[in-house]
Amino acid sequence: MKLFYDLWYRFGKVPWEIGPREELVGLVESGRISPCKTIDLGCGTGDNAIFLAQHGFEVTAIDYAPSAIAKAKAVSKESPTHCQVAREPSRSAPAVQSWPTTRMTSPVANPVSQASGTDKCR
């Protein structure tokens, strides 16, 4: 499955890469989700992660397709904000290892947010 997604991102256009999700944009711009520490699992080329970083979120973006991550890193470098992009979701990855597993919420399908001891992401 990993090879399938890697080849698709490398040689094709995946149908879900359409910019930041409309639902996420609405939640952030309405103030229903405030900046906090956020992880975007299955980030693809990073559209949601970069959008969140541009709005003050501390973002870690993870995907297991190397070609998707390469694209996300390239786009992230062009952005004036910082977004940490990592390959291979793993509990041993430093960005993931430091997160408590009990306070994670999911405001929309891909991004999974964790508020550091507060309810800012709810």
N, C-alpha and C. Protein backbone atom coordinates (compact mmCIF):
# COMPACT_ATOMS: atom_id res chain seq x y z
N MET A 1 0.82 -1.18 0.00
CA MET A 1 0.00 0.00 0.00
C MET A 1 0.88 1.26 0.00
N LYS A 2 1.96 1.22 0.76
CA LYS A 2 2.87 2.35 0.83
C LYS A 2 3.43 2.68 -0.56
N LEU A 3 3.83 1.68 -1.30
CA LEU A 3 4.37 1.88 -2.65
C LEU A 3 3.31 2.49 -3.56
N PHE A 4 2.07 2.03 -3.44
CA PHE A 4 0.98 2.57 -4.24
C PHE A 4 0.84 4.08 -4.05
N TYR A 5 0.78 4.53 -2.79
CA TYR A 5 0.64 5.96 -2.52
C TYR A 5 1.88 6.74 -2.93
N ASP A 6 3.04 6.16 -2.70
CA ASP A 6 4.27 6.84 -3.10
C ASP A 6 4.29 7.08 -4.61
N LEU A 7 3.95 6.07 -5.39
CA LEU A 7 3.92 6.21 -6.85
C LEU A 7 2.83 7.18 -7.30
N TRP A 8 1.69 7.13 -6.64
CA TRP A 8 0.59 8.02 -7.00
C TRP A 8 0.99 9.48 -6.78
N TYR A 9 1.59 9.77 -5.61
CA TYR A 9 2.04 11.14 -5.34
C TYR A 9 3.17 11.55 -6.29
N ARG A 10 4.01 10.63 -6.64
CA ARG A 10 5.16 10.94 -7.49
C ARG A 10 4.77 11.20 -8.94
N PHE A 11 3.87 10.39 -9.48
CA PHE A 11 3.58 10.45 -10.92
C PHE A 11 2.18 10.93 -11.28
N GLY A 12 1.31 11.05 -10.31
CA GLY A 12 -0.06 11.42 -10.62
C GLY A 12 -0.54 12.58 -9.79
N LYS A 13 -1.80 12.86 -9.91
CA LYS A 13 -2.44 13.89 -9.08
C LYS A 13 -3.51 13.20 -8.25
N VAL A 14 -3.30 13.21 -6.94
CA VAL A 14 -4.27 12.56 -6.06
C VAL A 14 -5.49 13.47 -5.90
N PRO A 15 -6.69 12.92 -5.93
CA PRO A 15 -7.91 13.73 -5.96
C PRO A 15 -8.18 14.54 -4.70
N TRP A 16 -7.58 14.17 -3.59
CA TRP A 16 -7.85 14.89 -2.35
C TRP A 16 -6.90 16.05 -2.11
N GLU A 17 -5.94 16.26 -2.98
CA GLU A 17 -5.03 17.41 -2.83
C GLU A 17 -5.66 18.62 -3.50
N ILE A 18 -6.48 19.34 -2.73
CA ILE A 18 -7.24 20.47 -3.27
C ILE A 18 -7.07 21.72 -2.42
N GLY A 19 -5.99 21.78 -1.66
CA GLY A 19 -5.80 22.89 -0.74
C GLY A 19 -6.31 22.52 0.64
N PRO A 20 -6.24 23.45 1.58
CA PRO A 20 -6.72 23.14 2.93
C PRO A 20 -8.21 22.81 2.90
N ARG A 21 -8.60 21.86 3.74
CA ARG A 21 -10.01 21.44 3.79
C ARG A 21 -10.90 22.62 4.16
N GLU A 22 -12.00 22.73 3.47
CA GLU A 22 -12.96 23.81 3.69
C GLU A 22 -13.45 23.83 5.13
N GLU A 23 -13.71 22.65 5.71
CA GLU A 23 -14.18 22.57 7.09
C GLU A 23 -13.13 23.10 8.05
N LEU A 24 -11.88 22.77 7.81
CA LEU A 24 -10.79 23.22 8.67
C LEU A 24 -10.65 24.74 8.59
N VAL A 25 -10.68 25.27 7.39
CA VAL A 25 -10.58 26.72 7.19
C VAL A 25 -11.69 27.43 7.97
N GLY A 26 -12.91 26.92 7.86
CA GLY A 26 -14.03 27.51 8.56
C GLY A 26 -13.87 27.49 10.07
N LEU A 27 -13.42 26.36 10.61
CA LEU A 27 -13.22 26.23 12.06
C LEU A 27 -12.13 27.18 12.56
N VAL A 28 -11.04 27.29 11.84
CA VAL A 28 -9.93 28.15 12.26
C VAL A 28 -10.32 29.62 12.12
N GLU A 29 -10.87 29.99 10.98
CA GLU A 29 -11.19 31.40 10.74
C GLU A 29 -12.34 31.90 11.62
N SER A 30 -13.22 31.00 12.07
CA SER A 30 -14.31 31.40 12.97
C SER A 30 -13.84 31.49 14.42
N GLY A 31 -12.63 30.97 14.70
CA GLY A 31 -12.11 30.98 16.06
C GLY A 31 -12.54 29.78 16.89
N ARG A 32 -13.25 28.83 16.29
CA ARG A 32 -13.69 27.65 17.04
C ARG A 32 -12.51 26.75 17.40
N ILE A 33 -11.43 26.82 16.62
CA ILE A 33 -10.19 26.13 16.95
C ILE A 33 -9.12 27.20 17.08
N SER A 34 -8.49 27.27 18.23
CA SER A 34 -7.43 28.24 18.49
C SER A 34 -6.07 27.59 18.29
N PRO A 35 -5.05 28.38 18.02
CA PRO A 35 -3.70 27.81 17.84
C PRO A 35 -3.28 26.96 19.03
N CYS A 36 -2.70 25.82 18.71
CA CYS A 36 -2.21 24.87 19.71
C CYS A 36 -1.24 23.93 19.02
N LYS A 37 -0.73 22.97 19.74
CA LYS A 37 0.16 21.94 19.18
C LYS A 37 -0.71 20.96 18.40
N THR A 38 -0.37 20.77 17.11
CA THR A 38 -1.23 19.99 16.22
C THR A 38 -0.43 18.97 15.44
N ILE A 39 -1.02 17.82 15.21
CA ILE A 39 -0.38 16.81 14.37
C ILE A 39 -1.34 16.49 13.22
N ASP A 40 -0.79 16.48 12.01
CA ASP A 40 -1.58 16.15 10.82
C ASP A 40 -1.10 14.79 10.34
N LEU A 41 -1.89 13.76 10.64
CA LEU A 41 -1.54 12.39 10.26
C LEU A 41 -2.06 12.13 8.85
N GLY A 42 -1.20 11.63 7.98
CA GLY A 42 -1.59 11.43 6.58
C GLY A 42 -1.67 12.77 5.88
N CYS A 43 -0.64 13.59 6.07
CA CYS A 43 -0.67 14.99 5.62
C CYS A 43 -0.59 15.16 4.11
N GLY A 44 -0.19 14.12 3.39
CA GLY A 44 -0.04 14.28 1.94
C GLY A 44 0.98 15.36 1.63
N THR A 45 0.61 16.30 0.79
CA THR A 45 1.55 17.38 0.42
C THR A 45 1.51 18.55 1.40
N GLY A 46 0.79 18.41 2.49
CA GLY A 46 0.86 19.37 3.59
C GLY A 46 -0.08 20.56 3.54
N ASP A 47 -1.10 20.54 2.71
CA ASP A 47 -1.99 21.69 2.59
C ASP A 47 -2.60 22.10 3.93
N ASN A 48 -3.15 21.14 4.66
CA ASN A 48 -3.77 21.47 5.95
C ASN A 48 -2.73 21.91 6.97
N ALA A 49 -1.61 21.22 7.03
CA ALA A 49 -0.56 21.54 7.98
C ALA A 49 -0.01 22.95 7.76
N ILE A 50 0.24 23.29 6.52
CA ILE A 50 0.79 24.61 6.22
C ILE A 50 -0.24 25.70 6.52
N PHE A 51 -1.50 25.45 6.20
CA PHE A 51 -2.56 26.39 6.54
C PHE A 51 -2.59 26.64 8.05
N LEU A 52 -2.54 25.56 8.84
CA LEU A 52 -2.56 25.71 10.29
C LEU A 52 -1.33 26.47 10.79
N ALA A 53 -0.15 26.16 10.27
CA ALA A 53 1.06 26.87 10.67
C ALA A 53 0.95 28.36 10.35
N GLN A 54 0.36 28.70 9.23
CA GLN A 54 0.18 30.10 8.86
C GLN A 54 -0.78 30.82 9.81
N HIS A 55 -1.57 30.05 10.56
CA HIS A 55 -2.52 30.64 11.50
C HIS A 55 -2.08 30.44 12.95
N GLY A 56 -0.79 30.23 13.17
CA GLY A 56 -0.23 30.21 14.52
C GLY A 56 -0.18 28.87 15.22
N PHE A 57 -0.54 27.79 14.55
CA PHE A 57 -0.48 26.47 15.16
C PHE A 57 0.95 25.93 15.10
N GLU A 58 1.35 25.16 16.08
CA GLU A 58 2.63 24.46 16.07
C GLU A 58 2.35 23.08 15.47
N VAL A 59 2.77 22.87 14.22
CA VAL A 59 2.32 21.72 13.45
C VAL A 59 3.43 20.71 13.19
N THR A 60 3.11 19.44 13.38
CA THR A 60 3.93 18.34 12.92
C THR A 60 3.09 17.59 11.89
N ALA A 61 3.62 17.45 10.67
CA ALA A 61 2.90 16.77 9.59
C ALA A 61 3.59 15.45 9.29
N ILE A 62 2.83 14.38 9.22
CA ILE A 62 3.39 13.04 9.04
C ILE A 62 2.67 12.32 7.90
N ASP A 63 3.44 11.65 7.07
CA ASP A 63 2.87 10.79 6.02
C ASP A 63 3.87 9.67 5.76
N TYR A 64 3.40 8.55 5.25
CA TYR A 64 4.33 7.46 4.98
C TYR A 64 4.71 7.33 3.52
N ALA A 65 4.20 8.20 2.66
CA ALA A 65 4.58 8.20 1.25
C ALA A 65 5.75 9.18 1.06
N PRO A 66 6.95 8.68 0.80
CA PRO A 66 8.12 9.56 0.68
C PRO A 66 7.94 10.69 -0.34
N SER A 67 7.28 10.42 -1.44
CA SER A 67 7.11 11.48 -2.44
C SER A 67 6.15 12.56 -1.95
N ALA A 68 5.16 12.20 -1.16
CA ALA A 68 4.25 13.20 -0.58
C ALA A 68 5.02 14.08 0.40
N ILE A 69 5.85 13.46 1.24
CA ILE A 69 6.64 14.21 2.21
C ILE A 69 7.62 15.15 1.51
N ALA A 70 8.25 14.69 0.44
CA ALA A 70 9.17 15.55 -0.31
C ALA A 70 8.44 16.79 -0.82
N LYS A 71 7.23 16.60 -1.34
CA LYS A 71 6.44 17.74 -1.82
C LYS A 71 6.05 18.65 -0.66
N ALA A 72 5.63 18.07 0.46
CA ALA A 72 5.24 18.86 1.63
C ALA A 72 6.41 19.69 2.15
N LYS A 73 7.59 19.10 2.20
CA LYS A 73 8.78 19.83 2.66
C LYS A 73 9.11 20.98 1.72
N ALA A 74 8.99 20.76 0.42
CA ALA A 74 9.28 21.82 -0.55
C ALA A 74 8.30 22.97 -0.40
N VAL A 75 7.02 22.67 -0.25
CA VAL A 75 6.01 23.72 -0.09
C VAL A 75 6.19 24.42 1.24
N SER A 76 6.51 23.67 2.29
CA SER A 76 6.72 24.25 3.61
C SER A 76 7.88 25.24 3.61
N LYS A 77 8.94 24.93 2.87
CA LYS A 77 10.09 25.84 2.80
C LYS A 77 9.72 27.16 2.13
N GLU A 78 8.75 27.14 1.23
CA GLU A 78 8.30 28.35 0.55
C GLU A 78 7.42 29.22 1.44
N SER A 79 6.85 28.62 2.47
CA SER A 79 5.93 29.32 3.36
C SER A 79 6.71 30.14 4.38
N PRO A 80 6.19 31.32 4.76
CA PRO A 80 6.89 32.14 5.76
C PRO A 80 6.78 31.58 7.18
N THR A 81 5.99 30.53 7.38
CA THR A 81 5.83 29.93 8.70
C THR A 81 6.51 28.57 8.75
N HIS A 82 6.75 28.06 9.95
CA HIS A 82 7.43 26.77 10.10
C HIS A 82 6.42 25.65 10.33
N CYS A 83 6.64 24.57 9.63
CA CYS A 83 5.83 23.37 9.79
C CYS A 83 6.80 22.20 9.77
N GLN A 84 6.87 21.42 10.85
CA GLN A 84 7.75 20.27 10.90
C GLN A 84 7.13 19.12 10.10
N VAL A 85 7.83 18.66 9.08
CA VAL A 85 7.33 17.57 8.23
C VAL A 85 8.19 16.34 8.47
N ALA A 86 7.54 15.21 8.75
CA ALA A 86 8.27 13.98 9.05
C ALA A 86 7.70 12.82 8.26
N ARG A 87 8.54 11.84 7.98
CA ARG A 87 8.10 10.64 7.28
C ARG A 87 7.92 9.51 8.28
N GLU A 88 7.11 8.54 7.91
CA GLU A 88 6.92 7.33 8.70
C GLU A 88 6.32 7.62 10.08
N PRO A 89 5.01 7.58 10.20
CA PRO A 89 4.43 7.73 11.53
C PRO A 89 4.99 6.66 12.45
N SER A 90 5.52 7.08 13.57
CA SER A 90 6.16 6.14 14.47
C SER A 90 6.11 6.67 15.89
N ARG A 91 5.82 5.82 16.83
CA ARG A 91 5.81 6.25 18.23
C ARG A 91 7.21 6.60 18.70
N SER A 92 8.25 6.19 17.96
CA SER A 92 9.61 6.50 18.38
C SER A 92 10.08 7.84 17.81
N ALA A 93 9.31 8.44 16.90
CA ALA A 93 9.70 9.74 16.35
C ALA A 93 9.64 10.78 17.46
N PRO A 94 10.66 11.65 17.58
CA PRO A 94 10.68 12.61 18.68
C PRO A 94 9.43 13.47 18.78
N ALA A 95 8.89 13.93 17.66
CA ALA A 95 7.70 14.79 17.69
C ALA A 95 6.49 14.05 18.22
N VAL A 96 6.40 12.76 17.94
CA VAL A 96 5.27 11.96 18.39
C VAL A 96 5.49 11.45 19.80
N GLN A 97 6.72 11.09 20.12
CA GLN A 97 7.05 10.50 21.42
C GLN A 97 6.74 11.44 22.57
N SER A 98 6.88 12.76 22.35
CA SER A 98 6.68 13.70 23.44
C SER A 98 5.21 14.04 23.68
N TRP A 99 4.31 13.52 22.88
CA TRP A 99 2.89 13.85 23.01
C TRP A 99 2.17 12.88 23.93
N PRO A 100 1.42 13.38 24.89
CA PRO A 100 0.59 12.46 25.67
C PRO A 100 -0.54 11.94 24.78
N THR A 101 -0.91 10.70 24.97
CA THR A 101 -1.92 10.11 24.09
C THR A 101 -3.33 10.33 24.59
N THR A 102 -3.50 10.91 25.75
CA THR A 102 -4.83 11.03 26.32
C THR A 102 -5.57 12.31 25.94
N ARG A 103 -4.90 13.32 25.42
CA ARG A 103 -5.55 14.60 25.14
C ARG A 103 -5.65 14.91 23.65
N MET A 104 -5.70 13.91 22.80
CA MET A 104 -5.79 14.16 21.38
C MET A 104 -7.25 14.21 20.95
N THR A 105 -7.59 15.22 20.14
CA THR A 105 -8.93 15.35 19.59
C THR A 105 -8.82 15.46 18.08
N SER A 106 -9.90 15.31 17.38
CA SER A 106 -9.88 15.38 15.93
C SER A 106 -10.93 16.35 15.43
N PRO A 107 -10.55 17.62 15.18
CA PRO A 107 -11.55 18.59 14.74
C PRO A 107 -12.11 18.30 13.35
N VAL A 108 -11.30 17.74 12.44
CA VAL A 108 -11.75 17.33 11.11
C VAL A 108 -11.03 16.05 10.74
N ALA A 109 -11.30 15.49 9.61
CA ALA A 109 -10.82 14.15 9.24
C ALA A 109 -9.32 13.96 9.37
N ASN A 110 -8.49 14.77 8.77
CA ASN A 110 -7.06 14.53 8.81
C ASN A 110 -6.35 15.13 10.01
N PRO A 111 -6.48 16.43 10.26
CA PRO A 111 -5.72 16.98 11.37
C PRO A 111 -6.20 16.42 12.71
N VAL A 112 -5.27 16.07 13.56
CA VAL A 112 -5.58 15.63 14.90
C VAL A 112 -4.87 16.59 15.83
N SER A 113 -5.61 17.27 16.68
CA SER A 113 -5.03 18.32 17.52
C SER A 113 -4.94 17.87 18.96
N GLN A 114 -3.96 18.41 19.65
CA GLN A 114 -3.77 18.13 21.05
C GLN A 114 -3.50 19.45 21.74
N ALA A 115 -4.31 19.81 22.71
CA ALA A 115 -4.09 21.04 23.47
C ALA A 115 -3.27 20.70 24.69
N SER A 116 -2.23 21.44 24.91
CA SER A 116 -1.32 21.18 26.02
C SER A 116 -1.94 21.59 27.35
N GLY A 117 -2.80 20.73 27.89
CA GLY A 117 -3.39 20.98 29.19
C GLY A 117 -4.56 21.94 29.18
N THR A 118 -5.04 22.35 28.02
CA THR A 118 -6.19 23.24 27.94
C THR A 118 -7.18 22.69 26.93
N ASP A 119 -8.28 23.37 26.75
CA ASP A 119 -9.26 22.97 25.75
C ASP A 119 -9.24 23.89 24.55
N LYS A 120 -8.10 24.50 24.25
CA LYS A 120 -8.01 25.45 23.14
C LYS A 120 -8.35 24.83 21.80
N CYS A 121 -8.14 23.53 21.62
CA CYS A 121 -8.37 22.91 20.33
C CYS A 121 -9.76 22.32 20.19
N ARG A 122 -10.60 22.47 21.16
CA ARG A 122 -11.95 21.89 21.09
C ARG A 122 -12.91 22.85 20.49
